[in-house]
Amino acid sequence: MSRSEAHPLSALRPGTRGRVLRVTRDLTSRAERLAALGVSPGATIHVLQTFPGIVFECDQTELAVERVVAGSIWVELESV
């Protein structure tokens, strides 16, 4: 797989790896909280779990977010 389009974190399956492309700034406080946790453009992610919430590793930190929050994180999938 070569470079791919952006996908919301909420649509990814467990085991998926990629890089954060952008965080939608629909709610500024949410985007700021995510940035403070390291979820910002260029950060690497690895999806660990998708139910009941989204659990992912972001640059060696494990985070759990609600599906609506995960929908604001856009990811470019890692090349295979």
PDB file of N, CA and C in Angstrom:
ATOM      1  N   MET A   1       0.851  -1.175   0.000  1.00  0.00           N
ATOM      2  CA  MET A   1       0.000   0.000   0.000  1.00  0.00           C
ATOM      3  C   MET A   1       0.893   1.232   0.000  1.00  0.00           C
ATOM      4  N   SER A   2       0.588   2.185  -0.840  1.00  0.00           N
ATOM      5  CA  SER A   2       1.345   3.429  -0.863  1.00  0.00           C
ATOM      6  C   SER A   2       0.618   4.458  -0.001  1.00  0.00           C
ATOM      7  N   ARG A   3       0.974   5.707  -0.158  1.00  0.00           N
ATOM      8  CA  ARG A   3       0.308   6.745   0.640  1.00  0.00           C
ATOM      9  C   ARG A   3      -1.200   6.627   0.469  1.00  0.00           C
ATOM     10  N   SER A   4      -1.901   6.777   1.561  1.00  0.00           N
ATOM     11  CA  SER A   4      -3.344   6.623   1.511  1.00  0.00           C
ATOM     12  C   SER A   4      -4.020   7.931   1.898  1.00  0.00           C
ATOM     13  N   GLU A   5      -5.312   7.928   1.747  1.00  0.00           N
ATOM     14  CA  GLU A   5      -6.084   9.096   2.145  1.00  0.00           C
ATOM     15  C   GLU A   5      -6.269   9.095   3.663  1.00  0.00           C
ATOM     16  N   ALA A   6      -6.794  10.169   4.156  1.00  0.00           N
ATOM     17  CA  ALA A   6      -7.021  10.294   5.603  1.00  0.00           C
ATOM     18  C   ALA A   6      -8.275   9.539   6.012  1.00  0.00           C
ATOM     19  N   HIS A   7      -8.220   8.942   7.192  1.00  0.00           N
ATOM     20  CA  HIS A   7      -9.346   8.215   7.776  1.00  0.00           C
ATOM     21  C   HIS A   7      -9.534   8.697   9.207  1.00  0.00           C
ATOM     22  N   PRO A   8     -10.795   8.808   9.666  1.00  0.00           N
ATOM     23  CA  PRO A   8     -10.982   9.161  11.070  1.00  0.00           C
ATOM     24  C   PRO A   8     -10.563   7.986  11.946  1.00  0.00           C
ATOM     25  N   LEU A   9      -9.968   8.262  13.067  1.00  0.00           N
ATOM     26  CA  LEU A   9      -9.548   7.216  13.996  1.00  0.00           C
ATOM     27  C   LEU A   9     -10.721   6.317  14.360  1.00  0.00           C
ATOM     28  N   SER A  10     -11.914   6.874  14.437  1.00  0.00           N
ATOM     29  CA  SER A  10     -13.105   6.101  14.811  1.00  0.00           C
ATOM     30  C   SER A  10     -13.451   5.009  13.800  1.00  0.00           C
ATOM     31  N   ALA A  11     -12.934   5.097  12.573  1.00  0.00           N
ATOM     32  CA  ALA A  11     -13.246   4.115  11.534  1.00  0.00           C
ATOM     33  C   ALA A  11     -12.177   3.028  11.390  1.00  0.00           C
ATOM     34  N   LEU A  12     -11.102   3.114  12.175  1.00  0.00           N
ATOM     35  CA  LEU A  12     -10.004   2.162  12.030  1.00  0.00           C
ATOM     36  C   LEU A  12     -10.220   0.907  12.869  1.00  0.00           C
ATOM     37  N   ARG A  13      -9.593  -0.180  12.455  1.00  0.00           N
ATOM     38  CA  ARG A  13      -9.705  -1.458  13.159  1.00  0.00           C
ATOM     39  C   ARG A  13      -8.522  -1.658  14.100  1.00  0.00           C
ATOM     40  N   PRO A  14      -8.703  -2.501  15.117  1.00  0.00           N
ATOM     41  CA  PRO A  14      -7.572  -2.810  16.009  1.00  0.00           C
ATOM     42  C   PRO A  14      -6.382  -3.333  15.192  1.00  0.00           C
ATOM     43  N   GLY A  15      -5.198  -2.918  15.580  1.00  0.00           N
ATOM     44  CA  GLY A  15      -3.986  -3.333  14.876  1.00  0.00           C
ATOM     45  C   GLY A  15      -3.515  -2.334  13.835  1.00  0.00           C
ATOM     46  N   THR A  16      -4.379  -1.400  13.458  1.00  0.00           N
ATOM     47  CA  THR A  16      -4.025  -0.396  12.457  1.00  0.00           C
ATOM     48  C   THR A  16      -2.983   0.562  13.019  1.00  0.00           C
ATOM     49  N   ARG A  17      -2.026   0.928  12.183  1.00  0.00           N
ATOM     50  CA  ARG A  17      -0.991   1.893  12.549  1.00  0.00           C
ATOM     51  C   ARG A  17      -0.991   3.022  11.529  1.00  0.00           C
ATOM     52  N   GLY A  18      -0.609   4.200  11.989  1.00  0.00           N
ATOM     53  CA  GLY A  18      -0.541   5.340  11.083  1.00  0.00           C
ATOM     54  C   GLY A  18       0.009   6.567  11.777  1.00  0.00           C
ATOM     55  N   ARG A  19      -0.163   7.704  11.107  1.00  0.00           N
ATOM     56  CA  ARG A  19       0.297   8.997  11.627  1.00  0.00           C
ATOM     57  C   ARG A  19      -0.876   9.965  11.625  1.00  0.00           C
ATOM     58  N   VAL A  20      -0.939  10.774  12.663  1.00  0.00           N
ATOM     59  CA  VAL A  20      -1.980  11.796  12.747  1.00  0.00           C
ATOM     60  C   VAL A  20      -1.706  12.852  11.683  1.00  0.00           C
ATOM     61  N   LEU A  21      -2.712  13.132  10.867  1.00  0.00           N
ATOM     62  CA  LEU A  21      -2.604  14.189   9.857  1.00  0.00           C
ATOM     63  C   LEU A  21      -3.148  15.498  10.395  1.00  0.00           C
ATOM     64  N   ARG A  22      -4.295  15.414  11.079  1.00  0.00           N
ATOM     65  CA  ARG A  22      -4.901  16.625  11.637  1.00  0.00           C
ATOM     66  C   ARG A  22      -5.910  16.239  12.707  1.00  0.00           C
ATOM     67  N   VAL A  23      -6.215  17.204  13.541  1.00  0.00           N
ATOM     68  CA  VAL A  23      -7.266  17.061  14.542  1.00  0.00           C
ATOM     69  C   VAL A  23      -8.279  18.159  14.248  1.00  0.00           C
ATOM     70  N   THR A  24      -9.507  17.767  13.951  1.00  0.00           N
ATOM     71  CA  THR A  24     -10.561  18.720  13.649  1.00  0.00           C
ATOM     72  C   THR A  24     -10.779  19.620  14.854  1.00  0.00           C
ATOM     73  N   ARG A  25     -10.840  20.894  14.596  1.00  0.00           N
ATOM     74  CA  ARG A  25     -10.957  21.864  15.686  1.00  0.00           C
ATOM     75  C   ARG A  25     -12.394  22.331  15.870  1.00  0.00           C
ATOM     76  N   ASP A  26     -13.351  21.393  15.817  1.00  0.00           N
ATOM     77  CA  ASP A  26     -14.751  21.759  16.010  1.00  0.00           C
ATOM     78  C   ASP A  26     -14.996  22.257  17.434  1.00  0.00           C
ATOM     79  N   LEU A  27     -14.294  21.680  18.377  1.00  0.00           N
ATOM     80  CA  LEU A  27     -14.346  22.146  19.757  1.00  0.00           C
ATOM     81  C   LEU A  27     -12.910  22.443  20.177  1.00  0.00           C
ATOM     82  N   THR A  28     -12.573  23.707  20.300  1.00  0.00           N
ATOM     83  CA  THR A  28     -11.197  24.113  20.578  1.00  0.00           C
ATOM     84  C   THR A  28     -10.638  23.459  21.830  1.00  0.00           C
ATOM     85  N   SER A  29     -11.446  23.354  22.878  1.00  0.00           N
ATOM     86  CA  SER A  29     -10.940  22.759  24.114  1.00  0.00           C
ATOM     87  C   SER A  29     -10.567  21.296  23.914  1.00  0.00           C
ATOM     88  N   ARG A  30     -11.330  20.575  23.088  1.00  0.00           N
ATOM     89  CA  ARG A  30     -11.011  19.171  22.806  1.00  0.00           C
ATOM     90  C   ARG A  30      -9.684  19.074  22.065  1.00  0.00           C
ATOM     91  N   ALA A  31      -9.500  19.884  21.042  1.00  0.00           N
ATOM     92  CA  ALA A  31      -8.261  19.857  20.264  1.00  0.00           C
ATOM     93  C   ALA A  31      -7.071  20.202  21.146  1.00  0.00           C
ATOM     94  N   GLU A  32      -7.246  21.160  22.044  1.00  0.00           N
ATOM     95  CA  GLU A  32      -6.158  21.535  22.944  1.00  0.00           C
ATOM     96  C   GLU A  32      -5.826  20.409  23.916  1.00  0.00           C
ATOM     97  N   ARG A  33      -6.839  19.728  24.443  1.00  0.00           N
ATOM     98  CA  ARG A  33      -6.601  18.597  25.354  1.00  0.00           C
ATOM     99  C   ARG A  33      -5.858  17.480  24.635  1.00  0.00           C
ATOM    100  N   LEU A  34      -6.288  17.170  23.404  1.00  0.00           N
ATOM    101  CA  LEU A  34      -5.622  16.115  22.647  1.00  0.00           C
ATOM    102  C   LEU A  34      -4.168  16.491  22.363  1.00  0.00           C
ATOM    103  N   ALA A  35      -3.928  17.741  21.989  1.00  0.00           N
ATOM    104  CA  ALA A  35      -2.560  18.194  21.729  1.00  0.00           C
ATOM    105  C   ALA A  35      -1.707  18.072  22.981  1.00  0.00           C
ATOM    106  N   ALA A  36      -2.272  18.392  24.143  1.00  0.00           N
ATOM    107  CA  ALA A  36      -1.532  18.284  25.402  1.00  0.00           C
ATOM    108  C   ALA A  36      -1.154  16.832  25.711  1.00  0.00           C
ATOM    109  N   LEU A  37      -1.950  15.897  25.182  1.00  0.00           N
ATOM    110  CA  LEU A  37      -1.668  14.468  25.378  1.00  0.00           C
ATOM    111  C   LEU A  37      -0.741  13.910  24.291  1.00  0.00           C
ATOM    112  N   GLY A  38      -0.355  14.765  23.344  1.00  0.00           N
ATOM    113  CA  GLY A  38       0.560  14.333  22.287  1.00  0.00           C
ATOM    114  C   GLY A  38      -0.110  13.955  20.989  1.00  0.00           C
ATOM    115  N   VAL A  39      -1.435  14.070  20.924  1.00  0.00           N
ATOM    116  CA  VAL A  39      -2.170  13.735  19.703  1.00  0.00           C
ATOM    117  C   VAL A  39      -2.175  14.972  18.817  1.00  0.00           C
ATOM    118  N   SER A  40      -1.182  15.054  17.949  1.00  0.00           N
ATOM    119  CA  SER A  40      -1.025  16.203  17.068  1.00  0.00           C
ATOM    120  C   SER A  40      -0.423  15.718  15.752  1.00  0.00           C
ATOM    121  N   PRO A  41      -0.485  16.537  14.707  1.00  0.00           N
ATOM    122  CA  PRO A  41       0.034  16.111  13.409  1.00  0.00           C
ATOM    123  C   PRO A  41       1.466  15.566  13.501  1.00  0.00           C
ATOM    124  N   GLY A  42       1.657  14.399  12.875  1.00  0.00           N
ATOM    125  CA  GLY A  42       2.961  13.748  12.862  1.00  0.00           C
ATOM    126  C   GLY A  42       3.119  12.660  13.905  1.00  0.00           C
ATOM    127  N   ALA A  43       2.258  12.654  14.916  1.00  0.00           N
ATOM    128  CA  ALA A  43       2.353  11.632  15.973  1.00  0.00           C
ATOM    129  C   ALA A  43       1.974  10.267  15.401  1.00  0.00           C
ATOM    130  N   THR A  44       2.670   9.233  15.839  1.00  0.00           N
ATOM    131  CA  THR A  44       2.340   7.875  15.395  1.00  0.00           C
ATOM    132  C   THR A  44       1.269   7.292  16.305  1.00  0.00           C
ATOM    133  N   ILE A  45       0.376   6.508  15.702  1.00  0.00           N
ATOM    134  CA  ILE A  45      -0.670   5.855  16.487  1.00  0.00           C
ATOM    135  C   ILE A  45      -0.758   4.379  16.146  1.00  0.00           C
ATOM    136  N   HIS A  46      -1.251   3.611  17.104  1.00  0.00           N
ATOM    137  CA  HIS A  46      -1.513   2.187  16.943  1.00  0.00           C
ATOM    138  C   HIS A  46      -2.838   1.916  17.636  1.00  0.00           C
ATOM    139  N   VAL A  47      -3.845   1.488  16.876  1.00  0.00           N
ATOM    140  CA  VAL A  47      -5.171   1.222  17.443  1.00  0.00           C
ATOM    141  C   VAL A  47      -5.131  -0.108  18.193  1.00  0.00           C
ATOM    142  N   LEU A  48      -5.524  -0.078  19.464  1.00  0.00           N
ATOM    143  CA  LEU A  48      -5.502  -1.276  20.302  1.00  0.00           C
ATOM    144  C   LEU A  48      -6.889  -1.893  20.461  1.00  0.00           C
ATOM    145  N   GLN A  49      -7.923  -1.060  20.535  1.00  0.00           N
ATOM    146  CA  GLN A  49      -9.283  -1.545  20.814  1.00  0.00           C
ATOM    147  C   GLN A  49     -10.276  -0.551  20.240  1.00  0.00           C
ATOM    148  N   THR A  50     -11.439  -1.047  19.778  1.00  0.00           N
ATOM    149  CA  THR A  50     -12.444  -0.139  19.219  1.00  0.00           C
ATOM    150  C   THR A  50     -13.806  -0.258  19.889  1.00  0.00           C
ATOM    151  N   PHE A  51     -13.933  -1.114  20.891  1.00  0.00           N
ATOM    152  CA  PHE A  51     -15.201  -1.252  21.597  1.00  0.00           C
ATOM    153  C   PHE A  51     -14.951  -1.546  23.055  1.00  0.00           C
ATOM    154  N   PRO A  52     -15.635  -0.917  23.967  1.00  0.00           N
ATOM    155  CA  PRO A  52     -16.718   0.057  23.783  1.00  0.00           C
ATOM    156  C   PRO A  52     -16.209   1.456  23.435  1.00  0.00           C
ATOM    157  N   GLY A  53     -14.990   1.779  23.790  1.00  0.00           N
ATOM    158  CA  GLY A  53     -14.384   3.056  23.403  1.00  0.00           C
ATOM    159  C   GLY A  53     -13.180   2.771  22.515  1.00  0.00           C
ATOM    160  N   ILE A  54     -12.578   3.814  22.023  1.00  0.00           N
ATOM    161  CA  ILE A  54     -11.395   3.680  21.182  1.00  0.00           C
ATOM    162  C   ILE A  54     -10.163   3.792  22.087  1.00  0.00           C
ATOM    163  N   VAL A  55      -9.341   2.748  22.081  1.00  0.00           N
ATOM    164  CA  VAL A  55      -8.099   2.762  22.846  1.00  0.00           C
ATOM    165  C   VAL A  55      -6.967   2.680  21.833  1.00  0.00           C
ATOM    166  N   PHE A  56      -6.020   3.615  21.954  1.00  0.00           N
ATOM    167  CA  PHE A  56      -4.904   3.630  21.011  1.00  0.00           C
ATOM    168  C   PHE A  56      -3.642   4.091  21.714  1.00  0.00           C
ATOM    169  N   GLU A  57      -2.542   3.725  21.126  1.00  0.00           N
ATOM    170  CA  GLU A  57      -1.246   4.173  21.624  1.00  0.00           C
ATOM    171  C   GLU A  57      -0.797   5.314  20.728  1.00  0.00           C
ATOM    172  N   CYS A  58      -0.378   6.399  21.341  1.00  0.00           N
ATOM    173  CA  CYS A  58       0.108   7.560  20.603  1.00  0.00           C
ATOM    174  C   CYS A  58       1.493   7.883  21.121  1.00  0.00           C
ATOM    175  N   ASP A  59       2.498   7.616  20.299  1.00  0.00           N
ATOM    176  CA  ASP A  59       3.891   7.862  20.689  1.00  0.00           C
ATOM    177  C   ASP A  59       4.183   7.314  22.087  1.00  0.00           C
ATOM    178  N   GLN A  60       3.848   6.047  22.299  1.00  0.00           N
ATOM    179  CA  GLN A  60       4.142   5.281  23.512  1.00  0.00           C
ATOM    180  C   GLN A  60       3.263   5.621  24.710  1.00  0.00           C
ATOM    181  N   THR A  61       2.187   6.385  24.511  1.00  0.00           N
ATOM    182  CA  THR A  61       1.234   6.668  25.578  1.00  0.00           C
ATOM    183  C   THR A  61      -0.103   6.057  25.192  1.00  0.00           C
ATOM    184  N   GLU A  62      -0.677   5.241  26.080  1.00  0.00           N
ATOM    185  CA  GLU A  62      -1.964   4.621  25.804  1.00  0.00           C
ATOM    186  C   GLU A  62      -3.088   5.565  26.211  1.00  0.00           C
ATOM    187  N   LEU A  63      -4.025   5.797  25.282  1.00  0.00           N
ATOM    188  CA  LEU A  63      -5.135   6.721  25.512  1.00  0.00           C
ATOM    189  C   LEU A  63      -6.454   6.041  25.182  1.00  0.00           C
ATOM    190  N   ALA A  64      -7.503   6.415  25.883  1.00  0.00           N
ATOM    191  CA  ALA A  64      -8.859   5.938  25.601  1.00  0.00           C
ATOM    192  C   ALA A  64      -9.743   7.153  25.375  1.00  0.00           C
ATOM    193  N   VAL A  65     -10.492   7.141  24.276  1.00  0.00           N
ATOM    194  CA  VAL A  65     -11.375   8.265  23.948  1.00  0.00           C
ATOM    195  C   VAL A  65     -12.728   7.735  23.478  1.00  0.00           C
ATOM    196  N   GLU A  66     -13.737   8.577  23.586  1.00  0.00           N
ATOM    197  CA  GLU A  66     -15.055   8.233  23.074  1.00  0.00           C
ATOM    198  C   GLU A  66     -15.016   8.256  21.551  1.00  0.00           C
ATOM    199  N   ARG A  67     -15.947   7.538  20.946  1.00  0.00           N
ATOM    200  CA  ARG A  67     -16.002   7.446  19.487  1.00  0.00           C
ATOM    201  C   ARG A  67     -16.122   8.826  18.831  1.00  0.00           C
ATOM    202  N   VAL A  68     -16.900   9.735  19.411  1.00  0.00           N
ATOM    203  CA  VAL A  68     -17.063  11.069  18.820  1.00  0.00           C
ATOM    204  C   VAL A  68     -15.737  11.831  18.829  1.00  0.00           C
ATOM    205  N   VAL A  69     -14.934  11.660  19.872  1.00  0.00           N
ATOM    206  CA  VAL A  69     -13.619  12.303  19.934  1.00  0.00           C
ATOM    207  C   VAL A  69     -12.696  11.678  18.896  1.00  0.00           C
ATOM    208  N   ALA A  70     -12.729  10.343  18.794  1.00  0.00           N
ATOM    209  CA  ALA A  70     -11.888   9.650  17.809  1.00  0.00           C
ATOM    210  C   ALA A  70     -12.228  10.086  16.385  1.00  0.00           C
ATOM    211  N   GLY A  71     -13.477  10.492  16.159  1.00  0.00           N
ATOM    212  CA  GLY A  71     -13.888  10.964  14.838  1.00  0.00           C
ATOM    213  C   GLY A  71     -13.246  12.281  14.444  1.00  0.00           C
ATOM    214  N   SER A  72     -12.694  12.993  15.407  1.00  0.00           N
ATOM    215  CA  SER A  72     -12.052  14.277  15.108  1.00  0.00           C
ATOM    216  C   SER A  72     -10.552  14.130  14.835  1.00  0.00           C
ATOM    217  N   ILE A  73     -10.035  12.904  14.981  1.00  0.00           N
ATOM    218  CA  ILE A  73      -8.605  12.639  14.757  1.00  0.00           C
ATOM    219  C   ILE A  73      -8.472  11.945  13.407  1.00  0.00           C
ATOM    220  N   TRP A  74      -7.802  12.605  12.469  1.00  0.00           N
ATOM    221  CA  TRP A  74      -7.646  12.072  11.115  1.00  0.00           C
ATOM    222  C   TRP A  74      -6.246  11.491  10.943  1.00  0.00           C
ATOM    223  N   VAL A  75      -6.211  10.273  10.392  1.00  0.00           N
ATOM    224  CA  VAL A  75      -4.987   9.485  10.354  1.00  0.00           C
ATOM    225  C   VAL A  75      -4.668   9.051   8.927  1.00  0.00           C
ATOM    226  N   GLU A  76      -3.382   9.100   8.588  1.00  0.00           N
ATOM    227  CA  GLU A  76      -2.889   8.505   7.341  1.00  0.00           C
ATOM    228  C   GLU A  76      -2.335   7.140   7.730  1.00  0.00           C
ATOM    229  N   LEU A  77      -2.842   6.097   7.073  1.00  0.00           N
ATOM    230  CA  LEU A  77      -2.422   4.747   7.410  1.00  0.00           C
ATOM    231  C   LEU A  77      -0.963   4.512   7.050  1.00  0.00           C
ATOM    232  N   GLU A  78      -0.316   3.666   7.854  1.00  0.00           N
ATOM    233  CA  GLU A  78       1.086   3.312   7.617  1.00  0.00           C
ATOM    234  C   GLU A  78       1.186   2.488   6.337  1.00  0.00           C
ATOM    235  N   SER A  79       2.209   2.730   5.560  1.00  0.00           N
ATOM    236  CA  SER A  79       2.440   1.941   4.345  1.00  0.00           C
ATOM    237  C   SER A  79       2.814   0.527   4.706  1.00  0.00           C
ATOM    238  N   VAL A  80       2.321  -0.396   3.911  1.00  0.00           N
ATOM    239  CA  VAL A  80       2.615  -1.817   4.168  1.00  0.00           C
ATOM    240  C   VAL A  80       3.689  -2.275   3.213  1.00  0.00           C
TER     241      VAL A  80
END
